[in-house]
Amino acid sequence: MPRLSAGILLYRRTVRGVEVFLVHPGGPFWKNKDAGAWSIPKGQYEEGEEPLAAAVREFAEETGFTLEAVEFQSLGELKQPGGKVVSTWSAEGDVDAESIKSNLFPMEWPPKSGRTQEFPEVDRAGWFEVAEAREKLLVGQRKFLDRLENLVG
């Protein structure tokens, strides 16, 4: 059974065109990575859990923002290079990327030190025009941008 993940690709329309909201993973591994490191806010869910509900929950956990009164449109599923299957929905909305409040995760750091530290699941977020988002986003998630463009023009 593949690992399942669900996320929300939030977008807004500006005078320059469509912008998408992406998050940068926290923790020491991702600290100095930029191109190809950003993600759609998403997270794992269990078999039998409703994927859209999981996507909304994960968006809130990673950003601190609750999405209410928005219309979700399915962007389908993509199998990631590591085998995880990600389901994503688009939603039009606006949040202040500078004001995210992510949940924390524990990790042994430095490796083999026996010390556990907590890191934010997401250390920053930003709004990007689709062309720039395509460079920043993890390779396995980039097709979601194509699907969003087809949906919103």
N, C-alpha and C. Protein backbone atom coordinates (compact mmCIF):
# COMPACT_ATOMS: atom_id res chain seq x y z
N MET A 1 0.85 -1.19 0.00
CA MET A 1 0.00 0.00 0.00
C MET A 1 0.89 1.25 0.00
N PRO A 2 0.74 2.13 -1.00
CA PRO A 2 1.57 3.34 -1.03
C PRO A 2 1.20 4.31 0.09
N ARG A 3 2.16 5.12 0.50
CA ARG A 3 1.86 6.19 1.46
C ARG A 3 1.00 7.23 0.73
N LEU A 4 0.02 7.77 1.46
CA LEU A 4 -0.92 8.72 0.88
C LEU A 4 -0.71 10.10 1.49
N SER A 5 -0.79 11.12 0.65
CA SER A 5 -0.63 12.48 1.10
C SER A 5 -1.65 13.35 0.36
N ALA A 6 -2.10 14.43 1.02
CA ALA A 6 -3.09 15.31 0.41
C ALA A 6 -2.73 16.76 0.71
N GLY A 7 -2.98 17.63 -0.29
CA GLY A 7 -2.60 19.03 -0.11
C GLY A 7 -3.52 19.99 -0.84
N ILE A 8 -3.29 21.26 -0.54
CA ILE A 8 -4.05 22.36 -1.14
C ILE A 8 -3.08 23.27 -1.87
N LEU A 9 -3.34 23.49 -3.16
CA LEU A 9 -2.58 24.46 -3.95
C LEU A 9 -3.42 25.74 -3.98
N LEU A 10 -3.09 26.67 -3.07
CA LEU A 10 -3.80 27.94 -2.98
C LEU A 10 -3.27 28.85 -4.08
N TYR A 11 -4.17 29.58 -4.72
CA TYR A 11 -3.74 30.51 -5.76
C TYR A 11 -4.52 31.82 -5.63
N ARG A 12 -3.93 32.86 -6.21
CA ARG A 12 -4.59 34.16 -6.26
C ARG A 12 -4.30 34.79 -7.61
N ARG A 13 -5.20 35.67 -8.03
CA ARG A 13 -5.03 36.37 -9.30
C ARG A 13 -4.51 37.78 -8.99
N THR A 14 -3.44 38.17 -9.69
CA THR A 14 -2.87 39.50 -9.50
C THR A 14 -2.79 40.18 -10.87
N VAL A 15 -2.35 41.42 -10.88
CA VAL A 15 -2.21 42.13 -12.16
C VAL A 15 -1.18 41.44 -13.04
N ARG A 16 -0.22 40.73 -12.43
CA ARG A 16 0.80 40.02 -13.20
C ARG A 16 0.35 38.63 -13.64
N GLY A 17 -0.78 38.17 -13.14
CA GLY A 17 -1.25 36.83 -13.47
C GLY A 17 -1.51 36.01 -12.22
N VAL A 18 -1.54 34.71 -12.38
CA VAL A 18 -1.82 33.80 -11.26
C VAL A 18 -0.54 33.59 -10.45
N GLU A 19 -0.70 33.64 -9.13
CA GLU A 19 0.38 33.30 -8.21
C GLU A 19 -0.08 32.13 -7.35
N VAL A 20 0.88 31.28 -6.96
CA VAL A 20 0.57 30.13 -6.10
C VAL A 20 1.34 30.25 -4.79
N PHE A 21 0.75 29.66 -3.76
CA PHE A 21 1.30 29.69 -2.41
C PHE A 21 2.04 28.39 -2.15
N LEU A 22 3.34 28.48 -1.90
CA LEU A 22 4.17 27.30 -1.64
C LEU A 22 4.84 27.43 -0.28
N VAL A 23 5.23 26.29 0.28
CA VAL A 23 5.93 26.27 1.56
C VAL A 23 7.28 25.59 1.41
N HIS A 24 8.21 26.02 2.27
CA HIS A 24 9.56 25.46 2.28
C HIS A 24 9.70 24.57 3.51
N PRO A 25 10.14 23.32 3.33
CA PRO A 25 10.23 22.42 4.49
C PRO A 25 11.27 22.88 5.50
N GLY A 26 10.92 22.71 6.77
CA GLY A 26 11.84 23.07 7.84
C GLY A 26 12.80 21.93 8.15
N GLY A 27 13.69 22.20 9.07
CA GLY A 27 14.67 21.20 9.49
C GLY A 27 16.01 21.39 8.79
N PRO A 28 17.04 20.80 9.35
CA PRO A 28 18.40 21.04 8.86
C PRO A 28 18.67 20.53 7.45
N PHE A 29 18.01 19.46 7.02
CA PHE A 29 18.27 18.91 5.69
C PHE A 29 17.93 19.90 4.60
N TRP A 30 16.83 20.64 4.78
CA TRP A 30 16.32 21.54 3.73
C TRP A 30 16.81 22.97 3.87
N LYS A 31 17.52 23.28 4.97
CA LYS A 31 17.87 24.66 5.33
C LYS A 31 18.43 25.49 4.17
N ASN A 32 19.40 24.96 3.44
CA ASN A 32 20.06 25.74 2.39
C ASN A 32 19.62 25.35 0.98
N LYS A 33 18.52 24.63 0.88
CA LYS A 33 18.01 24.22 -0.43
C LYS A 33 16.88 25.15 -0.85
N ASP A 34 16.83 25.49 -2.13
CA ASP A 34 15.78 26.39 -2.62
C ASP A 34 15.13 25.80 -3.87
N ALA A 35 15.80 25.86 -5.00
CA ALA A 35 15.23 25.34 -6.26
C ALA A 35 14.93 23.86 -6.10
N GLY A 36 13.71 23.47 -6.43
CA GLY A 36 13.31 22.07 -6.35
C GLY A 36 13.06 21.57 -4.94
N ALA A 37 12.96 22.47 -3.96
CA ALA A 37 12.79 22.05 -2.57
C ALA A 37 11.42 22.44 -1.99
N TRP A 38 10.74 23.40 -2.59
CA TRP A 38 9.47 23.88 -2.07
C TRP A 38 8.35 22.89 -2.37
N SER A 39 7.23 23.05 -1.66
CA SER A 39 6.14 22.08 -1.77
C SER A 39 4.78 22.78 -1.68
N ILE A 40 3.78 22.07 -2.18
CA ILE A 40 2.40 22.42 -1.90
C ILE A 40 2.18 22.05 -0.43
N PRO A 41 1.50 22.88 0.37
CA PRO A 41 1.22 22.47 1.75
C PRO A 41 0.41 21.17 1.74
N LYS A 42 0.97 20.13 2.35
CA LYS A 42 0.33 18.82 2.28
C LYS A 42 0.83 17.95 3.42
N GLY A 43 0.21 16.80 3.58
CA GLY A 43 0.67 15.86 4.59
C GLY A 43 0.01 14.51 4.43
N GLN A 44 0.55 13.56 5.17
CA GLN A 44 0.08 12.18 5.07
C GLN A 44 -1.28 12.00 5.73
N TYR A 45 -2.01 11.03 5.22
CA TYR A 45 -3.27 10.63 5.83
C TYR A 45 -3.37 9.12 5.74
N GLU A 46 -4.30 8.58 6.52
CA GLU A 46 -4.45 7.13 6.60
C GLU A 46 -5.54 6.63 5.64
N GLU A 47 -5.39 5.40 5.20
CA GLU A 47 -6.39 4.72 4.39
C GLU A 47 -7.74 4.84 5.11
N GLY A 48 -8.78 5.22 4.37
CA GLY A 48 -10.10 5.37 4.95
C GLY A 48 -10.41 6.80 5.37
N GLU A 49 -9.38 7.63 5.55
CA GLU A 49 -9.62 9.04 5.88
C GLU A 49 -10.00 9.79 4.61
N GLU A 50 -10.86 10.77 4.72
CA GLU A 50 -11.31 11.54 3.57
C GLU A 50 -10.15 12.45 3.13
N PRO A 51 -9.63 12.30 1.90
CA PRO A 51 -8.43 13.04 1.49
C PRO A 51 -8.58 14.56 1.52
N LEU A 52 -9.72 15.11 1.10
CA LEU A 52 -9.87 16.57 1.13
C LEU A 52 -9.84 17.10 2.56
N ALA A 53 -10.49 16.39 3.47
CA ALA A 53 -10.45 16.80 4.88
C ALA A 53 -9.02 16.77 5.40
N ALA A 54 -8.26 15.76 5.00
CA ALA A 54 -6.85 15.67 5.40
C ALA A 54 -6.06 16.83 4.82
N ALA A 55 -6.34 17.18 3.56
CA ALA A 55 -5.62 18.28 2.91
C ALA A 55 -5.87 19.60 3.64
N VAL A 56 -7.11 19.85 4.01
CA VAL A 56 -7.45 21.09 4.73
C VAL A 56 -6.77 21.10 6.11
N ARG A 57 -6.78 19.96 6.81
CA ARG A 57 -6.13 19.85 8.11
C ARG A 57 -4.63 20.11 7.99
N GLU A 58 -4.00 19.47 7.01
CA GLU A 58 -2.56 19.61 6.83
C GLU A 58 -2.17 21.04 6.46
N PHE A 59 -3.01 21.71 5.63
CA PHE A 59 -2.75 23.10 5.29
C PHE A 59 -2.71 23.93 6.57
N ALA A 60 -3.68 23.71 7.46
CA ALA A 60 -3.74 24.45 8.73
C ALA A 60 -2.55 24.13 9.61
N GLU A 61 -2.16 22.85 9.70
CA GLU A 61 -1.03 22.47 10.54
C GLU A 61 0.28 23.08 10.06
N GLU A 62 0.46 23.13 8.75
CA GLU A 62 1.74 23.61 8.20
C GLU A 62 1.81 25.13 8.11
N THR A 63 0.66 25.82 8.05
CA THR A 63 0.69 27.26 7.84
C THR A 63 0.07 28.07 8.97
N GLY A 64 -0.81 27.44 9.75
CA GLY A 64 -1.55 28.17 10.77
C GLY A 64 -2.81 28.82 10.22
N PHE A 65 -3.09 28.67 8.93
CA PHE A 65 -4.27 29.29 8.32
C PHE A 65 -5.37 28.26 8.10
N THR A 66 -6.59 28.63 8.48
CA THR A 66 -7.75 27.78 8.25
C THR A 66 -8.45 28.28 6.99
N LEU A 67 -8.69 27.38 6.06
CA LEU A 67 -9.39 27.75 4.82
C LEU A 67 -10.87 27.53 5.02
N GLU A 68 -11.61 28.62 5.01
CA GLU A 68 -13.06 28.55 5.19
C GLU A 68 -13.74 29.24 4.01
N ALA A 69 -14.90 28.77 3.66
CA ALA A 69 -15.73 29.37 2.61
C ALA A 69 -14.97 29.50 1.29
N VAL A 70 -14.18 28.51 0.98
CA VAL A 70 -13.51 28.49 -0.32
C VAL A 70 -13.99 27.27 -1.09
N GLU A 71 -13.92 27.35 -2.39
CA GLU A 71 -14.33 26.24 -3.25
C GLU A 71 -13.08 25.46 -3.63
N PHE A 72 -13.12 24.16 -3.43
CA PHE A 72 -11.99 23.30 -3.76
C PHE A 72 -12.26 22.59 -5.07
N GLN A 73 -11.26 22.56 -5.93
CA GLN A 73 -11.37 21.82 -7.19
C GLN A 73 -10.24 20.80 -7.24
N SER A 74 -10.58 19.57 -7.52
CA SER A 74 -9.58 18.52 -7.54
C SER A 74 -8.59 18.72 -8.69
N LEU A 75 -7.31 18.56 -8.36
CA LEU A 75 -6.25 18.55 -9.38
C LEU A 75 -5.74 17.11 -9.57
N GLY A 76 -6.44 16.16 -8.96
CA GLY A 76 -6.10 14.75 -9.15
C GLY A 76 -4.96 14.28 -8.27
N GLU A 77 -4.37 13.17 -8.68
CA GLU A 77 -3.29 12.52 -7.93
C GLU A 77 -2.04 12.48 -8.78
N LEU A 78 -0.90 12.44 -8.11
CA LEU A 78 0.38 12.20 -8.77
C LEU A 78 1.20 11.26 -7.90
N LYS A 79 1.80 10.27 -8.52
CA LYS A 79 2.71 9.39 -7.81
C LYS A 79 4.08 10.07 -7.79
N GLN A 80 4.63 10.21 -6.59
CA GLN A 80 5.92 10.88 -6.44
C GLN A 80 7.08 9.92 -6.72
N PRO A 81 8.26 10.46 -7.02
CA PRO A 81 9.41 9.59 -7.30
C PRO A 81 9.68 8.56 -6.19
N GLY A 82 9.38 8.90 -4.94
CA GLY A 82 9.59 7.97 -3.83
C GLY A 82 8.45 6.98 -3.63
N GLY A 83 7.39 7.07 -4.46
CA GLY A 83 6.29 6.12 -4.37
C GLY A 83 5.05 6.66 -3.68
N LYS A 84 5.17 7.76 -2.94
CA LYS A 84 4.01 8.35 -2.27
C LYS A 84 3.02 8.86 -3.31
N VAL A 85 1.72 8.72 -3.03
CA VAL A 85 0.68 9.23 -3.92
C VAL A 85 0.09 10.49 -3.28
N VAL A 86 0.19 11.62 -4.01
CA VAL A 86 -0.29 12.90 -3.51
C VAL A 86 -1.56 13.30 -4.25
N SER A 87 -2.62 13.58 -3.50
CA SER A 87 -3.86 14.12 -4.03
C SER A 87 -3.88 15.61 -3.70
N THR A 88 -4.25 16.44 -4.68
CA THR A 88 -4.21 17.89 -4.46
C THR A 88 -5.48 18.55 -4.96
N TRP A 89 -5.91 19.58 -4.25
CA TRP A 89 -7.04 20.42 -4.62
C TRP A 89 -6.56 21.84 -4.75
N SER A 90 -7.15 22.58 -5.68
CA SER A 90 -6.86 24.00 -5.78
C SER A 90 -7.94 24.77 -5.03
N ALA A 91 -7.58 25.96 -4.58
CA ALA A 91 -8.53 26.86 -3.93
C ALA A 91 -8.03 28.27 -4.17
N GLU A 92 -8.95 29.16 -4.52
CA GLU A 92 -8.57 30.56 -4.69
C GLU A 92 -8.70 31.26 -3.35
N GLY A 93 -7.66 31.98 -2.97
CA GLY A 93 -7.67 32.67 -1.69
C GLY A 93 -6.39 33.45 -1.51
N ASP A 94 -6.26 34.10 -0.36
CA ASP A 94 -5.08 34.90 -0.08
C ASP A 94 -4.74 34.79 1.40
N VAL A 95 -3.49 34.55 1.69
CA VAL A 95 -2.99 34.52 3.07
C VAL A 95 -1.69 35.31 3.09
N ASP A 96 -1.29 35.75 4.27
CA ASP A 96 -0.04 36.48 4.44
C ASP A 96 1.09 35.47 4.66
N ALA A 97 1.91 35.29 3.63
CA ALA A 97 2.98 34.29 3.69
C ALA A 97 3.96 34.55 4.83
N GLU A 98 4.10 35.81 5.22
CA GLU A 98 5.03 36.15 6.31
C GLU A 98 4.51 35.74 7.68
N SER A 99 3.23 35.41 7.78
CA SER A 99 2.60 35.15 9.07
C SER A 99 2.33 33.67 9.34
N ILE A 100 3.00 32.77 8.63
CA ILE A 100 2.72 31.35 8.87
C ILE A 100 3.16 30.94 10.26
N LYS A 101 2.46 29.96 10.81
CA LYS A 101 2.80 29.37 12.10
C LYS A 101 2.69 27.86 11.92
N SER A 102 3.82 27.22 11.74
CA SER A 102 3.84 25.78 11.48
C SER A 102 3.93 24.98 12.77
N ASN A 103 3.41 23.75 12.68
CA ASN A 103 3.61 22.82 13.79
C ASN A 103 5.08 22.37 13.79
N LEU A 104 5.50 21.69 14.85
CA LEU A 104 6.89 21.25 15.00
C LEU A 104 6.98 19.74 14.89
N PHE A 105 8.18 19.26 14.53
CA PHE A 105 8.43 17.82 14.53
C PHE A 105 9.76 17.56 15.25
N PRO A 106 9.85 16.43 15.99
CA PRO A 106 11.10 16.10 16.68
C PRO A 106 12.04 15.33 15.75
N MET A 107 13.34 15.55 15.94
CA MET A 107 14.33 14.87 15.12
C MET A 107 15.65 14.81 15.88
N GLU A 108 16.33 13.69 15.77
CA GLU A 108 17.65 13.60 16.38
C GLU A 108 18.59 14.49 15.58
N TRP A 109 19.18 15.50 16.27
CA TRP A 109 20.09 16.41 15.58
C TRP A 109 21.10 16.96 16.57
N PRO A 110 22.36 16.96 16.22
CA PRO A 110 22.97 16.38 15.02
C PRO A 110 22.82 14.85 14.99
N PRO A 111 22.96 14.27 13.78
CA PRO A 111 22.81 12.82 13.65
C PRO A 111 23.71 12.05 14.62
N LYS A 112 23.18 11.00 15.19
CA LYS A 112 23.89 10.10 16.11
C LYS A 112 24.37 10.80 17.38
N SER A 113 23.76 11.96 17.70
CA SER A 113 24.16 12.70 18.90
C SER A 113 23.38 12.26 20.13
N GLY A 114 22.23 11.59 19.89
CA GLY A 114 21.36 11.22 20.99
C GLY A 114 20.51 12.39 21.47
N ARG A 115 20.68 13.56 20.87
CA ARG A 115 19.90 14.75 21.25
C ARG A 115 18.72 14.92 20.29
N THR A 116 17.55 15.16 20.85
CA THR A 116 16.38 15.41 20.01
C THR A 116 16.08 16.90 20.04
N GLN A 117 15.89 17.47 18.86
CA GLN A 117 15.51 18.87 18.74
C GLN A 117 14.18 18.95 17.98
N GLU A 118 13.48 20.05 18.15
CA GLU A 118 12.24 20.26 17.41
C GLU A 118 12.47 21.31 16.34
N PHE A 119 11.88 21.05 15.17
CA PHE A 119 11.99 21.95 14.04
C PHE A 119 10.60 22.21 13.49
N PRO A 120 10.38 23.39 12.89
CA PRO A 120 9.08 23.63 12.25
C PRO A 120 8.96 22.75 11.00
N GLU A 121 7.77 22.22 10.78
CA GLU A 121 7.54 21.42 9.58
C GLU A 121 7.74 22.28 8.33
N VAL A 122 7.38 23.56 8.44
CA VAL A 122 7.56 24.53 7.37
C VAL A 122 8.30 25.72 7.96
N ASP A 123 9.41 26.14 7.34
CA ASP A 123 10.14 27.28 7.91
C ASP A 123 9.84 28.61 7.23
N ARG A 124 9.24 28.56 6.04
CA ARG A 124 8.82 29.79 5.38
C ARG A 124 7.84 29.45 4.26
N ALA A 125 7.16 30.50 3.78
CA ALA A 125 6.19 30.33 2.71
C ALA A 125 6.30 31.53 1.79
N GLY A 126 5.75 31.39 0.59
CA GLY A 126 5.78 32.51 -0.33
C GLY A 126 4.79 32.36 -1.45
N TRP A 127 4.52 33.49 -2.10
CA TRP A 127 3.68 33.54 -3.29
C TRP A 127 4.58 33.65 -4.50
N PHE A 128 4.34 32.83 -5.51
CA PHE A 128 5.19 32.80 -6.69
C PHE A 128 4.35 32.76 -7.96
N GLU A 129 4.78 33.50 -8.97
CA GLU A 129 4.17 33.37 -10.28
C GLU A 129 4.44 31.94 -10.74
N VAL A 130 3.59 31.40 -11.59
CA VAL A 130 3.66 29.99 -11.95
C VAL A 130 5.03 29.60 -12.52
N ALA A 131 5.62 30.44 -13.36
CA ALA A 131 6.93 30.10 -13.94
C ALA A 131 7.99 29.95 -12.86
N GLU A 132 8.00 30.84 -11.88
CA GLU A 132 8.97 30.74 -10.79
C GLU A 132 8.64 29.55 -9.89
N ALA A 133 7.35 29.33 -9.66
CA ALA A 133 6.92 28.20 -8.83
C ALA A 133 7.40 26.88 -9.43
N ARG A 134 7.38 26.81 -10.75
CA ARG A 134 7.80 25.59 -11.44
C ARG A 134 9.27 25.26 -11.10
N GLU A 135 10.11 26.28 -10.94
CA GLU A 135 11.52 26.07 -10.59
C GLU A 135 11.68 25.70 -9.12
N LYS A 136 10.87 26.30 -8.25
CA LYS A 136 11.01 26.09 -6.81
C LYS A 136 10.41 24.77 -6.33
N LEU A 137 9.35 24.34 -6.99
CA LEU A 137 8.57 23.18 -6.54
C LEU A 137 9.33 21.87 -6.73
N LEU A 138 9.09 20.93 -5.83
CA LEU A 138 9.62 19.58 -5.98
C LEU A 138 9.20 19.03 -7.35
N VAL A 139 10.09 18.34 -8.02
CA VAL A 139 9.83 17.85 -9.38
C VAL A 139 8.53 17.06 -9.46
N GLY A 140 8.28 16.19 -8.51
CA GLY A 140 7.11 15.32 -8.55
C GLY A 140 5.78 16.04 -8.41
N GLN A 141 5.80 17.32 -8.01
CA GLN A 141 4.56 18.07 -7.83
C GLN A 141 4.30 19.07 -8.96
N ARG A 142 5.23 19.23 -9.88
CA ARG A 142 5.12 20.28 -10.90
C ARG A 142 3.92 20.11 -11.84
N LYS A 143 3.50 18.87 -12.10
CA LYS A 143 2.34 18.66 -12.98
C LYS A 143 1.07 19.28 -12.39
N PHE A 144 1.02 19.46 -11.07
CA PHE A 144 -0.14 20.12 -10.47
C PHE A 144 -0.25 21.57 -10.97
N LEU A 145 0.88 22.21 -11.27
CA LEU A 145 0.84 23.58 -11.80
C LEU A 145 0.21 23.58 -13.19
N ASP A 146 0.56 22.57 -14.02
CA ASP A 146 -0.06 22.46 -15.35
C ASP A 146 -1.57 22.31 -15.21
N ARG A 147 -1.99 21.45 -14.30
CA ARG A 147 -3.41 21.21 -14.11
C ARG A 147 -4.12 22.47 -13.60
N LEU A 148 -3.45 23.22 -12.73
CA LEU A 148 -4.04 24.47 -12.25
C LEU A 148 -4.17 25.47 -13.39
N GLU A 149 -3.15 25.59 -14.21
CA GLU A 149 -3.21 26.50 -15.36
C GLU A 149 -4.34 26.14 -16.30
N ASN A 150 -4.55 24.85 -16.55
CA ASN A 150 -5.66 24.41 -17.39
C ASN A 150 -7.01 24.78 -16.77
N LEU A 151 -7.07 24.76 -15.45
CA LEU A 151 -8.31 25.04 -14.75
C LEU A 151 -8.65 26.53 -14.71
N VAL A 152 -7.64 27.35 -14.44
CA VAL A 152 -7.92 28.79 -14.23
C VAL A 152 -7.50 29.66 -15.41
N GLY A 153 -6.83 29.07 -16.39
CA GLY A 153 -6.47 29.81 -17.60
C GLY A 153 -5.23 30.65 -17.44
